């Protein structure tokens, strides 16, 4: 019992790099030709801030990541510090290393000329800075997959046969 509890406790501890912390995962709506600002508190440092979006309906959009100190300059049309940005599109992603904890602002800007509300899915995460971005995809191992499927089938067959044998014994004993 103690060994089981210890294993559960060890599995609950965070890994060396830690799982990604989701800062924002929601639908965002932006009026035609407008922009929406979202505060992004980067409290973990060092980290890599990764943001991605996908337009569900409406015009093309883009993301701009700014320090909180530069947002007034951006609104007034003056020179501002831009940490990262995407191009206008139906989907996109950006990444920016964060060396010290600071307040950031993510601007969701919609292309001019749209005549209806733009709705997009936005995901912002704080990742391990040592991990590659975008993550390197690993192809599935066909041998391991086949082994998993056949072993699951064998386990189900054994359990079903044992259950059927027990039911047969119970019904035979009742007669």
Protein backbone atom coordinates (compact mmCIF):
# COMPACT_ATOMS: atom_id res chain seq x y z
CA UNK A 1 0.00 0.00 0.00
CA UNK A 2 2.84 2.37 0.88
CA UNK A 3 4.61 1.56 -2.39
CA UNK A 4 1.46 2.39 -4.36
CA UNK A 5 1.07 5.70 -2.53
CA UNK A 6 4.74 6.52 -3.16
CA UNK A 7 4.37 5.79 -6.87
CA UNK A 8 1.28 8.02 -7.06
CA UNK A 9 3.14 10.81 -5.25
CA UNK A 10 6.17 10.55 -7.53
CA UNK A 11 4.00 10.62 -10.65
CA UNK A 12 2.26 13.76 -9.39
CA UNK A 13 5.54 15.68 -9.02
CA UNK A 14 6.31 17.98 -11.95
CA UNK A 15 8.83 16.90 -14.54
CA UNK A 16 12.19 18.64 -14.92
CA UNK A 17 10.94 20.97 -17.65
CA UNK A 18 7.44 21.12 -16.26
CA UNK A 19 4.24 21.00 -18.26
CA UNK A 20 3.28 24.06 -20.27
CA UNK A 21 1.28 26.61 -18.29
CA UNK A 22 -1.81 27.74 -20.17
CA UNK A 23 -2.24 31.49 -19.72
CA UNK A 24 -5.18 31.97 -22.10
CA UNK A 25 -7.34 29.48 -23.97
CA UNK A 26 -10.61 30.98 -25.14
CA UNK A 27 -12.65 32.40 -27.99
CA UNK A 28 -11.94 36.04 -28.80
CA UNK A 29 -14.27 38.31 -30.75
CA UNK A 30 -13.02 41.46 -32.46
CA UNK A 31 -15.13 44.09 -34.20
CA UNK A 32 -14.44 44.79 -37.89
CA UNK A 33 -11.23 46.76 -38.44
CA UNK A 34 -10.54 46.91 -34.70
CA UNK A 35 -7.99 45.45 -32.30
CA UNK A 36 -8.33 43.78 -28.92
CA UNK A 37 -5.68 43.87 -26.21
CA UNK A 38 -5.18 41.05 -23.72
CA UNK A 39 -2.93 41.27 -20.66
CA UNK A 40 -0.49 38.37 -20.47
CA UNK A 41 1.29 38.11 -17.11
CA UNK A 42 4.65 36.38 -17.72
CA UNK A 43 5.40 35.43 -14.12
CA UNK A 44 7.67 32.49 -14.90
CA UNK A 45 11.16 33.32 -16.06
CA UNK A 46 13.01 32.15 -17.98
CA UNK A 47 10.28 30.83 -20.22
CA UNK A 48 9.10 30.85 -23.81
CA UNK A 49 5.76 32.45 -24.49
CA UNK A 50 3.93 30.74 -27.36
CA UNK A 51 0.64 32.02 -28.81
CA UNK A 52 -1.41 30.56 -31.63
CA UNK A 53 -4.73 31.46 -33.17
CA UNK A 54 -7.23 30.11 -35.68
CA UNK A 55 -9.96 32.25 -37.20
CA UNK A 56 -13.33 30.53 -36.92
CA UNK A 57 -15.31 33.17 -38.81
CA UNK A 58 -14.70 36.64 -40.14
CA UNK A 59 -11.69 38.43 -41.58
CA UNK A 60 -8.00 37.58 -41.32
CA UNK A 61 -6.25 38.51 -38.09
CA UNK A 62 -2.76 38.85 -36.66
CA UNK A 63 -1.11 38.84 -33.23
CA UNK A 64 1.37 41.39 -31.86
CA UNK A 65 3.20 40.86 -28.57
CA UNK A 66 4.22 44.08 -26.80
CA UNK A 67 5.60 44.96 -23.38
CA UNK A 68 2.98 46.69 -21.22
CA UNK A 69 5.06 49.88 -21.28
CA UNK A 70 4.74 50.14 -25.09
CA UNK A 71 0.97 49.79 -25.40
CA UNK A 72 0.29 53.53 -25.08
CA UNK A 73 2.80 54.27 -27.86
CA UNK A 74 1.17 51.60 -30.05
CA UNK A 75 -2.30 53.09 -29.51
CA UNK A 76 -1.07 56.61 -30.30
CA UNK A 77 0.74 55.43 -33.45
CA UNK A 78 4.21 56.30 -32.13
CA UNK A 79 7.32 54.12 -32.19
CA UNK A 80 6.90 51.08 -29.92
CA UNK A 81 8.85 47.99 -28.89
CA UNK A 82 7.52 44.87 -30.58
CA UNK A 83 8.61 41.53 -29.13
CA UNK A 84 7.00 39.30 -31.74
CA UNK A 85 4.25 39.41 -34.37
CA UNK A 86 2.49 37.31 -36.98
CA UNK A 87 1.26 38.19 -40.44
CA UNK A 88 -2.40 38.54 -41.28
CA UNK A 89 -3.94 35.15 -41.90
CA UNK A 90 -6.60 32.60 -41.01
CA UNK A 91 -4.20 31.01 -38.51
CA UNK A 92 -0.77 31.69 -37.11
CA UNK A 93 1.61 31.33 -34.20
CA UNK A 94 4.32 33.33 -32.52
CA UNK A 95 6.98 32.61 -29.95
CA UNK A 96 9.07 34.87 -27.76
CA UNK A 97 11.65 34.09 -25.06
CA UNK A 98 10.96 35.77 -21.71
CA UNK A 99 14.12 36.32 -19.68
CA UNK A 100 12.61 38.12 -16.67
CA UNK A 101 9.08 38.27 -15.20
CA UNK A 102 7.17 41.15 -16.77
CA UNK A 103 3.75 42.25 -17.90
CA UNK A 104 3.06 41.76 -21.59
CA UNK A 105 0.15 42.70 -23.83
CA UNK A 106 -1.05 40.56 -26.71
CA UNK A 107 -2.85 42.55 -29.41
CA UNK A 108 -5.32 40.74 -31.68
CA UNK A 109 -5.75 42.92 -34.75
CA UNK A 110 -8.28 42.31 -37.54
CA UNK A 111 -7.70 43.34 -41.13
CA UNK A 112 -9.63 46.40 -42.30
CA UNK A 113 -12.49 45.92 -44.74
CA UNK A 114 -14.32 43.24 -42.81
CA UNK A 115 -18.05 43.75 -42.49
CA UNK A 116 -18.79 41.34 -39.63
CA UNK A 117 -17.46 40.30 -36.25
CA UNK A 118 -14.34 38.14 -36.32
CA UNK A 119 -14.23 35.19 -33.94
CA UNK A 120 -11.01 33.32 -33.33
CA UNK A 121 -9.66 30.64 -31.02
CA UNK A 122 -6.62 31.90 -29.09
CA UNK A 123 -4.18 29.79 -27.08
CA UNK A 124 -1.31 31.35 -25.09
CA UNK A 125 1.12 29.17 -23.14
CA UNK A 126 4.33 29.55 -21.16
CA UNK A 127 6.70 26.78 -22.27
CA UNK A 128 10.06 25.45 -21.16
CA UNK A 129 12.70 27.66 -22.86
CA UNK A 130 14.91 24.64 -23.61
CA UNK A 131 12.18 22.88 -25.60
CA UNK A 132 12.18 23.47 -29.36
CA UNK A 133 9.43 25.61 -30.85
CA UNK A 134 7.45 24.49 -32.70
CA UNK A 135 7.67 21.04 -31.11
CA UNK A 136 9.35 18.40 -33.23
CA UNK A 137 6.68 15.87 -34.25
CA UNK A 138 7.51 12.23 -33.64
CA UNK A 139 6.05 9.69 -36.05
CA UNK A 140 4.03 6.84 -34.60
CA UNK A 141 5.80 3.52 -34.14
CA UNK A 142 3.75 0.95 -36.04
CA UNK A 143 5.22 -2.02 -34.16
CA UNK A 144 4.37 -0.60 -30.75
CA UNK A 145 0.89 0.35 -31.95
CA UNK A 146 0.22 -3.15 -33.27
CA UNK A 147 1.55 -4.67 -30.05
CA UNK A 148 -0.73 -2.42 -27.99
CA UNK A 149 -3.81 -3.29 -30.07
CA UNK A 150 -3.20 -7.06 -30.02
CA UNK A 151 -2.35 -7.13 -26.30
CA UNK A 152 -5.53 -5.15 -25.52
CA UNK A 153 -7.55 -7.58 -27.62
CA UNK A 154 -5.96 -10.56 -25.86
CA UNK A 155 -6.62 -9.06 -22.42
CA UNK A 156 -10.27 -8.38 -23.30
CA UNK A 157 -10.68 -11.93 -24.64
CA UNK A 158 -9.21 -13.46 -21.47
CA UNK A 159 -11.42 -11.32 -19.22
CA UNK A 160 -14.52 -12.09 -21.28
CA UNK A 161 -13.77 -15.84 -21.18
CA UNK A 162 -13.18 -15.75 -17.41
CA UNK A 163 -16.44 -13.84 -16.89
CA UNK A 164 -18.37 -16.26 -19.10
CA UNK A 165 -16.91 -19.25 -17.21
CA UNK A 166 -17.86 -17.72 -13.86
CA UNK A 167 -21.40 -16.96 -15.07
CA UNK A 168 -21.71 -20.54 -16.34
CA UNK A 169 -20.60 -21.90 -12.93
CA UNK A 170 -23.05 -19.62 -11.08
CA UNK A 171 -25.99 -20.60 -13.27
CA UNK A 172 -25.08 -24.30 -13.00
CA UNK A 173 -24.93 -24.05 -9.20
CA UNK A 174 -28.40 -22.44 -9.08
CA UNK A 175 -30.11 -25.33 -10.82
